[in-house]
Amino acid sequence: MINSRTIRDGYASFDGDIYNHMVRVLRLGTGDAVELADEKGFIHFGIINQVAKEWVAVKITSSCPAVQNDSTAPRITICQALPKGDKIDLILQKGTELGAHDFWIFGGRRSVAKVREDQQNSKLERWNRITAEASRQCGRSDIPEVTWRPSAVEAGNDSSQELRLILWEGEREHSLKDALTNGGKPSSVIVSIGPEGGFDPLEVRHFSQHGFKPVTLGSRILRTETASVAILAIMQYIWGDM
């Protein structure tokens, strides 16, 4: 997605991530046609006019409102306890491809990885770059926002979605299938997913007190980076256009 203010007098020029995506990833050059989506919901059609060492210029030939996503799925929020290593990259990339509306990353009591207060801005900047790049790769005209919450307390307190679920291996009675198929389609959903060591019982209690329903995936215990991909695919199949 581009900023509409980059378009002036029928031209747009880009450096940084957009330049890298056009020139180094897609291998586009002078004369190639491109489509650019902006934050106001417009698509701009253009031709690459010039490729320099660190920037690229596009001549805009026409613009029109973007066709809205035909998906009928609810607005899905992935509430993900911070995993270790680069697993969060995969969660953000694949979650964006599968239509997540936004991501809440929080510090779980059993999260191995930690985010210091002085690291929060740089982490968020990097995570939002990942969703922006994933949106460009899969042709989304919007970009899922990534936000940070220090703990499950803040994540639970902030939630206001119509359907709230927590995937918990300790649940024995309520299945994910029942939670998604009994009742009508909600307008919004949030799914809380634990880190590698799972949820601490205090976190499950807190989420439950704020309207999150613990559900089981049956006999399967998924890795944390697999769970969000699985739940998004299931929801898009049941409620969306997959």
C-alpha atoms as a PDB file:
ATOM      1  CA  MET A   1       0.000   0.000   0.000  1.00  0.00           C
ATOM      2  CA  ILE A   2       1.235   3.500  -0.833  1.00  0.00           C
ATOM      3  CA  ASN A   3       0.555   6.885   0.709  1.00  0.00           C
ATOM      4  CA  SER A   4      -1.698   8.928  -1.555  1.00  0.00           C
ATOM      5  CA  ARG A   5       0.504  11.974  -0.900  1.00  0.00           C
ATOM      6  CA  THR A   6       3.308  10.362  -2.926  1.00  0.00           C
ATOM      7  CA  ILE A   7       1.282  11.004  -6.112  1.00  0.00           C
ATOM      8  CA  ARG A   8       1.895  14.461  -7.536  1.00  0.00           C
ATOM      9  CA  ASP A   9       1.274  15.853 -11.013  1.00  0.00           C
ATOM     10  CA  GLY A  10       0.481  12.399 -12.374  1.00  0.00           C
ATOM     11  CA  TYR A  11       3.653  10.738 -11.069  1.00  0.00           C
ATOM     12  CA  ALA A  12       4.625   8.741  -7.978  1.00  0.00           C
ATOM     13  CA  SER A  13       8.139   7.911  -6.830  1.00  0.00           C
ATOM     14  CA  PHE A  14       9.219   5.379  -4.234  1.00  0.00           C
ATOM     15  CA  ASP A  15      12.293   4.284  -2.353  1.00  0.00           C
ATOM     16  CA  GLY A  16      12.759   1.886   0.555  1.00  0.00           C
ATOM     17  CA  ASP A  17      10.517  -1.155   0.862  1.00  0.00           C
ATOM     18  CA  ILE A  18       8.289  -0.364  -2.124  1.00  0.00           C
ATOM     19  CA  TYR A  19      11.325   0.197  -4.346  1.00  0.00           C
ATOM     20  CA  ASN A  20      12.803  -3.112  -3.177  1.00  0.00           C
ATOM     21  CA  HIS A  21       9.537  -4.937  -3.796  1.00  0.00           C
ATOM     22  CA  MET A  22       9.112  -3.558  -7.311  1.00  0.00           C
ATOM     23  CA  VAL A  23      12.673  -3.741  -8.546  1.00  0.00           C
ATOM     24  CA  ARG A  24      14.412  -6.453  -6.564  1.00  0.00           C
ATOM     25  CA  VAL A  25      11.548  -8.830  -5.757  1.00  0.00           C
ATOM     26  CA  LEU A  26       9.228  -8.491  -8.758  1.00  0.00           C
ATOM     27  CA  ARG A  27      12.095  -7.576 -11.140  1.00  0.00           C
ATOM     28  CA  LEU A  28      10.056  -4.809 -12.738  1.00  0.00           C
ATOM     29  CA  GLY A  29      11.677  -2.277 -15.035  1.00  0.00           C
ATOM     30  CA  THR A  30      10.968   0.717 -17.221  1.00  0.00           C
ATOM     31  CA  GLY A  31       7.780   0.269 -19.251  1.00  0.00           C
ATOM     32  CA  ASP A  32       6.225  -2.362 -16.969  1.00  0.00           C
ATOM     33  CA  ALA A  33       2.618  -1.845 -15.835  1.00  0.00           C
ATOM     34  CA  VAL A  34       1.854  -1.641 -12.115  1.00  0.00           C
ATOM     35  CA  GLU A  35      -1.169  -1.298  -9.827  1.00  0.00           C
ATOM     36  CA  LEU A  36      -0.829   0.749  -6.647  1.00  0.00           C
ATOM     37  CA  ALA A  37      -3.313   0.757  -3.762  1.00  0.00           C
ATOM     38  CA  ASP A  38      -3.467   3.705  -1.375  1.00  0.00           C
ATOM     39  CA  GLU A  39      -4.806   4.229   2.148  1.00  0.00           C
ATOM     40  CA  LYS A  40      -7.930   5.991   0.855  1.00  0.00           C
ATOM     41  CA  GLY A  41      -9.211   2.896  -0.939  1.00  0.00           C
ATOM     42  CA  PHE A  42      -8.144   3.772  -4.491  1.00  0.00           C
ATOM     43  CA  ILE A  43      -6.255   1.754  -7.077  1.00  0.00           C
ATOM     44  CA  HIS A  44      -3.842   3.649  -9.329  1.00  0.00           C
ATOM     45  CA  PHE A  45      -2.760   2.123 -12.649  1.00  0.00           C
ATOM     46  CA  GLY A  46       0.574   3.226 -14.023  1.00  0.00           C
ATOM     47  CA  ILE A  47       3.693   2.546 -16.040  1.00  0.00           C
ATOM     48  CA  ILE A  48       7.187   2.551 -14.572  1.00  0.00           C
ATOM     49  CA  ASN A  49       8.789   5.633 -16.015  1.00  0.00           C
ATOM     50  CA  GLN A  50      12.267   5.482 -14.507  1.00  0.00           C
ATOM     51  CA  VAL A  51      14.347   3.128 -12.362  1.00  0.00           C
ATOM     52  CA  ALA A  52      17.286   4.689 -10.513  1.00  0.00           C
ATOM     53  CA  LYS A  53      19.720   3.147  -8.062  1.00  0.00           C
ATOM     54  CA  GLU A  54      17.570   3.747  -4.984  1.00  0.00           C
ATOM     55  CA  TRP A  55      14.178   4.889  -6.290  1.00  0.00           C
ATOM     56  CA  VAL A  56      11.605   4.199  -8.963  1.00  0.00           C
ATOM     57  CA  ALA A  57       9.179   6.587 -10.682  1.00  0.00           C
ATOM     58  CA  VAL A  58       5.717   5.614 -11.949  1.00  0.00           C
ATOM     59  CA  LYS A  59       3.559   7.569 -14.378  1.00  0.00           C
ATOM     60  CA  ILE A  60      -0.071   7.247 -13.253  1.00  0.00           C
ATOM     61  CA  THR A  61      -2.411   6.587 -16.180  1.00  0.00           C
ATOM     62  CA  SER A  62      -5.726   6.161 -14.347  1.00  0.00           C
ATOM     63  CA  SER A  63      -7.260   5.726 -10.899  1.00  0.00           C
ATOM     64  CA  CYS A  64     -10.464   4.205  -9.560  1.00  0.00           C
ATOM     65  CA  PRO A  65     -11.973   3.035  -6.250  1.00  0.00           C
ATOM     66  CA  ALA A  66     -10.663  -0.350  -5.211  1.00  0.00           C
ATOM     67  CA  VAL A  67     -13.009  -3.307  -5.527  1.00  0.00           C
ATOM     68  CA  GLN A  68     -13.886  -4.307  -2.013  1.00  0.00           C
ATOM     69  CA  ASN A  69     -12.872  -7.731  -0.788  1.00  0.00           C
ATOM     70  CA  ASP A  70     -15.714 -10.141  -1.473  1.00  0.00           C
ATOM     71  CA  SER A  71     -14.970 -12.167   1.638  1.00  0.00           C
ATOM     72  CA  THR A  72     -17.961 -12.434   3.931  1.00  0.00           C
ATOM     73  CA  ALA A  73     -15.844 -13.553   6.873  1.00  0.00           C
ATOM     74  CA  PRO A  74     -16.013 -11.592  10.138  1.00  0.00           C
ATOM     75  CA  ARG A  75     -13.218  -9.206  11.119  1.00  0.00           C
ATOM     76  CA  ILE A  76     -10.761 -11.661  12.630  1.00  0.00           C
ATOM     77  CA  THR A  77      -8.195 -10.580  15.226  1.00  0.00           C
ATOM     78  CA  ILE A  78      -5.322 -12.907  16.070  1.00  0.00           C
ATOM     79  CA  CYS A  79      -4.293 -12.375  19.692  1.00  0.00           C
ATOM     80  CA  GLN A  80      -0.898 -14.088  19.719  1.00  0.00           C
ATOM     81  CA  ALA A  81       1.412 -14.627  22.678  1.00  0.00           C
ATOM     82  CA  LEU A  82       4.929 -13.698  21.572  1.00  0.00           C
ATOM     83  CA  PRO A  83       6.762 -16.827  20.365  1.00  0.00           C
ATOM     84  CA  LYS A  84      10.516 -17.224  20.314  1.00  0.00           C
ATOM     85  CA  GLY A  85      12.791 -16.658  17.347  1.00  0.00           C
ATOM     86  CA  ASP A  86      11.357 -15.607  14.021  1.00  0.00           C
ATOM     87  CA  LYS A  87       8.091 -17.557  14.359  1.00  0.00           C
ATOM     88  CA  ILE A  88       6.189 -14.301  14.655  1.00  0.00           C
ATOM     89  CA  ASP A  89       7.293 -13.451  11.098  1.00  0.00           C
ATOM     90  CA  LEU A  90       5.567 -16.561   9.762  1.00  0.00           C
ATOM     91  CA  ILE A  91       2.433 -15.883  11.828  1.00  0.00           C
ATOM     92  CA  LEU A  92       2.159 -12.343  10.468  1.00  0.00           C
ATOM     93  CA  GLN A  93       2.935 -13.306   6.870  1.00  0.00           C
ATOM     94  CA  LYS A  94       0.566 -16.253   6.610  1.00  0.00           C
ATOM     95  CA  GLY A  95      -2.092 -14.585   8.731  1.00  0.00           C
ATOM     96  CA  THR A  96      -2.109 -11.632   6.347  1.00  0.00           C
ATOM     97  CA  GLU A  97      -2.464 -13.980   3.368  1.00  0.00           C
ATOM     98  CA  LEU A  98      -5.388 -15.711   5.061  1.00  0.00           C
ATOM     99  CA  GLY A  99      -7.269 -12.490   5.733  1.00  0.00           C
ATOM    100  CA  ALA A 100      -6.620 -11.578   9.363  1.00  0.00           C
ATOM    101  CA  HIS A 101      -7.974  -8.095  10.064  1.00  0.00           C
ATOM    102  CA  ASP A 102      -5.323  -7.291  12.676  1.00  0.00           C
ATOM    103  CA  PHE A 103      -2.858  -8.830  15.116  1.00  0.00           C
ATOM    104  CA  TRP A 104      -2.488  -8.262  18.847  1.00  0.00           C
ATOM    105  CA  ILE A 105       0.890  -9.505  20.070  1.00  0.00           C
ATOM    106  CA  PHE A 106       1.214  -9.854  23.824  1.00  0.00           C
ATOM    107  CA  GLY A 107       3.793 -11.004  26.324  1.00  0.00           C
ATOM    108  CA  GLY A 108       2.647 -14.364  27.647  1.00  0.00           C
ATOM    109  CA  ARG A 109       3.646 -15.563  31.110  1.00  0.00           C
ATOM    110  CA  ARG A 110       5.343 -18.544  29.436  1.00  0.00           C
ATOM    111  CA  SER A 111       6.745 -16.628  26.465  1.00  0.00           C
ATOM    112  CA  VAL A 112      10.479 -17.260  26.173  1.00  0.00           C
ATOM    113  CA  ALA A 113      10.977 -14.133  24.058  1.00  0.00           C
ATOM    114  CA  LYS A 114      10.603 -10.778  25.781  1.00  0.00           C
ATOM    115  CA  VAL A 115      10.137  -7.236  24.511  1.00  0.00           C
ATOM    116  CA  ARG A 116      11.654  -4.513  26.642  1.00  0.00           C
ATOM    117  CA  GLU A 117       9.874  -1.191  26.801  1.00  0.00           C
ATOM    118  CA  ASP A 118      12.655   0.487  24.821  1.00  0.00           C
ATOM    119  CA  GLN A 119      12.278  -2.144  22.070  1.00  0.00           C
ATOM    120  CA  GLN A 120       8.538  -1.788  21.532  1.00  0.00           C
ATOM    121  CA  ASN A 121       8.614   0.891  18.834  1.00  0.00           C
ATOM    122  CA  SER A 122      11.267  -0.831  16.742  1.00  0.00           C
ATOM    123  CA  LYS A 123       9.525  -4.207  17.078  1.00  0.00           C
ATOM    124  CA  LEU A 124       6.170  -2.755  16.035  1.00  0.00           C
ATOM    125  CA  GLU A 125       7.752  -0.970  13.090  1.00  0.00           C
ATOM    126  CA  ARG A 126       9.303  -4.224  11.912  1.00  0.00           C
ATOM    127  CA  TRP A 127       6.137  -6.269  12.431  1.00  0.00           C
ATOM    128  CA  ASN A 128       4.022  -3.762  10.524  1.00  0.00           C
ATOM    129  CA  ARG A 129       6.550  -3.822   7.685  1.00  0.00           C
ATOM    130  CA  ILE A 130       6.055  -7.590   7.523  1.00  0.00           C
ATOM    131  CA  THR A 131       2.263  -7.291   7.159  1.00  0.00           C
ATOM    132  CA  ALA A 132       2.682  -4.491   4.596  1.00  0.00           C
ATOM    133  CA  GLU A 133       5.049  -6.635   2.528  1.00  0.00           C
ATOM    134  CA  ALA A 134       2.755  -9.668   2.845  1.00  0.00           C
ATOM    135  CA  SER A 135      -0.210  -7.556   1.706  1.00  0.00           C
ATOM    136  CA  ARG A 136       1.700  -6.485  -1.405  1.00  0.00           C
ATOM    137  CA  GLN A 137       2.733 -10.078  -2.125  1.00  0.00           C
ATOM    138  CA  CYS A 138      -0.815 -11.442  -1.921  1.00  0.00           C
ATOM    139  CA  GLY A 139      -2.597  -8.498  -3.548  1.00  0.00           C
ATOM    140  CA  ARG A 140      -4.480  -7.181  -0.523  1.00  0.00           C
ATOM    141  CA  SER A 141      -5.547  -3.547  -0.797  1.00  0.00           C
ATOM    142  CA  ASP A 142      -5.473  -3.161   3.003  1.00  0.00           C
ATOM    143  CA  ILE A 143      -2.777  -3.840   5.574  1.00  0.00           C
ATOM    144  CA  PRO A 144      -3.471  -5.626   8.897  1.00  0.00           C
ATOM    145  CA  GLU A 145      -2.296  -3.524  11.837  1.00  0.00           C
ATOM    146  CA  VAL A 146       0.002  -5.063  14.445  1.00  0.00           C
ATOM    147  CA  THR A 147      -0.226  -3.755  18.010  1.00  0.00           C
ATOM    148  CA  TRP A 148       1.537  -4.738  21.231  1.00  0.00           C
ATOM    149  CA  ARG A 149       0.136  -5.524  24.670  1.00  0.00           C
ATOM    150  CA  PRO A 150       2.545  -6.261  27.525  1.00  0.00           C
ATOM    151  CA  SER A 151       0.501  -9.132  28.980  1.00  0.00           C
ATOM    152  CA  ALA A 152      -2.679 -11.167  28.761  1.00  0.00           C
ATOM    153  CA  VAL A 153      -4.265  -8.714  31.200  1.00  0.00           C
ATOM    154  CA  GLU A 154      -4.117  -5.867  28.690  1.00  0.00           C
ATOM    155  CA  ALA A 155      -5.159  -8.134  25.829  1.00  0.00           C
ATOM    156  CA  GLY A 156      -8.219  -9.390  27.687  1.00  0.00           C
ATOM    157  CA  ASN A 157      -9.188  -5.952  28.966  1.00  0.00           C
ATOM    158  CA  ASP A 158      -9.040  -4.434  25.466  1.00  0.00           C
ATOM    159  CA  SER A 159     -11.217  -7.034  23.773  1.00  0.00           C
ATOM    160  CA  SER A 160     -14.705  -6.110  22.573  1.00  0.00           C
ATOM    161  CA  GLN A 161     -15.202  -8.540  19.670  1.00  0.00           C
ATOM    162  CA  GLU A 162     -18.519 -10.321  19.379  1.00  0.00           C
ATOM    163  CA  LEU A 163     -17.005 -13.824  19.537  1.00  0.00           C
ATOM    164  CA  ARG A 164     -13.976 -14.383  21.767  1.00  0.00           C
ATOM    165  CA  LEU A 165     -12.104 -17.677  21.809  1.00  0.00           C
ATOM    166  CA  ILE A 166      -8.991 -18.992  23.503  1.00  0.00           C
ATOM    167  CA  LEU A 167      -7.321 -22.106  22.125  1.00  0.00           C
ATOM    168  CA  TRP A 168      -6.379 -24.126  25.200  1.00  0.00           C
ATOM    169  CA  GLU A 169      -5.067 -27.647  25.383  1.00  0.00           C
ATOM    170  CA  GLY A 170      -6.533 -27.980  28.878  1.00  0.00           C
ATOM    171  CA  GLU A 171     -10.122 -27.677  27.630  1.00  0.00           C
ATOM    172  CA  ARG A 172     -11.886 -31.038  27.383  1.00  0.00           C
ATOM    173  CA  GLU A 173     -15.544 -30.317  26.621  1.00  0.00           C
ATOM    174  CA  HIS A 174     -16.014 -27.380  24.253  1.00  0.00           C
ATOM    175  CA  SER A 175     -14.672 -27.953  20.739  1.00  0.00           C
ATOM    176  CA  LEU A 176     -13.643 -25.363  18.196  1.00  0.00           C
ATOM    177  CA  LYS A 177     -16.113 -26.891  15.738  1.00  0.00           C
ATOM    178  CA  ASP A 178     -19.036 -26.351  18.095  1.00  0.00           C
ATOM    179  CA  ALA A 179     -17.966 -22.781  18.852  1.00  0.00           C
ATOM    180  CA  LEU A 180     -17.856 -21.879  15.153  1.00  0.00           C
ATOM    181  CA  THR A 181     -20.943 -23.729  13.912  1.00  0.00           C
ATOM    182  CA  ASN A 182     -23.451 -23.305  16.749  1.00  0.00           C
ATOM    183  CA  GLY A 183     -25.129 -19.947  16.318  1.00  0.00           C
ATOM    184  CA  GLY A 184     -24.984 -17.314  13.633  1.00  0.00           C
ATOM    185  CA  LYS A 185     -21.993 -15.677  12.035  1.00  0.00           C
ATOM    186  CA  PRO A 186     -20.479 -12.995  14.281  1.00  0.00           C
ATOM    187  CA  SER A 187     -19.427  -9.594  12.978  1.00  0.00           C
ATOM    188  CA  SER A 188     -16.031  -9.845  14.672  1.00  0.00           C
ATOM    189  CA  VAL A 189     -13.896 -12.574  16.216  1.00  0.00           C
ATOM    190  CA  ILE A 190     -10.763 -12.618  18.356  1.00  0.00           C
ATOM    191  CA  VAL A 191      -8.765 -15.797  18.915  1.00  0.00           C
ATOM    192  CA  SER A 192      -6.128 -15.942  21.643  1.00  0.00           C
ATOM    193  CA  ILE A 193      -3.200 -18.306  21.054  1.00  0.00           C
ATOM    194  CA  GLY A 194      -0.528 -19.196  23.603  1.00  0.00           C
ATOM    195  CA  PRO A 195       3.260 -19.399  23.213  1.00  0.00           C
ATOM    196  CA  GLU A 196       5.349 -22.577  22.961  1.00  0.00           C
ATOM    197  CA  GLY A 197       4.702 -23.518  26.600  1.00  0.00           C
ATOM    198  CA  GLY A 198       0.978 -22.881  26.369  1.00  0.00           C
ATOM    199  CA  PHE A 199      -1.146 -20.628  28.547  1.00  0.00           C
ATOM    200  CA  ASP A 200      -0.610 -20.225  32.250  1.00  0.00           C
ATOM    201  CA  PRO A 201      -3.860 -21.113  34.118  1.00  0.00           C
ATOM    202  CA  LEU A 202      -4.041 -17.540  35.442  1.00  0.00           C
ATOM    203  CA  GLU A 203      -4.123 -16.266  31.856  1.00  0.00           C
ATOM    204  CA  VAL A 204      -6.902 -18.675  30.923  1.00  0.00           C
ATOM    205  CA  ARG A 205      -8.868 -17.485  33.953  1.00  0.00           C
ATOM    206  CA  HIS A 206      -8.354 -13.845  33.020  1.00  0.00           C
ATOM    207  CA  PHE A 207      -9.408 -14.340  29.394  1.00  0.00           C
ATOM    208  CA  SER A 208     -12.432 -16.349  30.535  1.00  0.00           C
ATOM    209  CA  GLN A 209     -13.487 -13.539  32.865  1.00  0.00           C
ATOM    210  CA  HIS A 210     -13.462 -11.203  29.860  1.00  0.00           C
ATOM    211  CA  GLY A 211     -15.748 -13.321  27.699  1.00  0.00           C
ATOM    212  CA  PHE A 212     -13.244 -15.636  26.012  1.00  0.00           C
ATOM    213  CA  LYS A 213     -14.529 -19.164  25.594  1.00  0.00           C
ATOM    214  CA  PRO A 214     -11.853 -21.878  25.978  1.00  0.00           C
ATOM    215  CA  VAL A 215     -12.035 -24.397  23.121  1.00  0.00           C
ATOM    216  CA  THR A 216     -10.162 -27.565  22.297  1.00  0.00           C
ATOM    217  CA  LEU A 217      -8.748 -28.710  18.967  1.00  0.00           C
ATOM    218  CA  GLY A 218      -9.426 -32.312  19.930  1.00  0.00           C
ATOM    219  CA  SER A 219      -6.483 -34.682  20.122  1.00  0.00           C
ATOM    220  CA  ARG A 220      -4.208 -32.285  18.262  1.00  0.00           C
ATOM    221  CA  ILE A 221      -1.713 -30.004  19.967  1.00  0.00           C
ATOM    222  CA  LEU A 222      -0.517 -27.563  17.330  1.00  0.00           C
ATOM    223  CA  ARG A 223       2.665 -25.540  17.386  1.00  0.00           C
ATOM    224  CA  THR A 224       1.960 -21.913  18.133  1.00  0.00           C
ATOM    225  CA  GLU A 225       2.899 -20.812  14.611  1.00  0.00           C
ATOM    226  CA  THR A 226       0.554 -23.454  13.144  1.00  0.00           C
ATOM    227  CA  ALA A 227      -2.460 -22.610  15.279  1.00  0.00           C
ATOM    228  CA  SER A 228      -3.158 -19.157  13.822  1.00  0.00           C
ATOM    229  CA  VAL A 229      -2.824 -20.453  10.261  1.00  0.00           C
ATOM    230  CA  ALA A 230      -5.190 -23.326  11.006  1.00  0.00           C
ATOM    231  CA  ILE A 231      -7.830 -21.202  12.742  1.00  0.00           C
ATOM    232  CA  LEU A 232      -7.832 -18.570   9.999  1.00  0.00           C
ATOM    233  CA  ALA A 233      -8.192 -21.174   7.257  1.00  0.00           C
ATOM    234  CA  ILE A 234     -11.045 -22.851   9.142  1.00  0.00           C
ATOM    235  CA  MET A 235     -12.879 -19.563   9.702  1.00  0.00           C
ATOM    236  CA  GLN A 236     -12.465 -18.489   6.087  1.00  0.00           C
ATOM    237  CA  TYR A 237     -13.876 -21.854   5.004  1.00  0.00           C
ATOM    238  CA  ILE A 238     -16.871 -21.673   7.348  1.00  0.00           C
ATOM    239  CA  TRP A 239     -17.699 -17.962   7.094  1.00  0.00           C
ATOM    240  CA  GLY A 240     -15.668 -16.552   4.221  1.00  0.00           C
ATOM    241  CA  ASP A 241     -15.103 -17.215   0.549  1.00  0.00           C
ATOM    242  CA  MET A 242     -12.496 -19.995   0.766  1.00  0.00           C
END
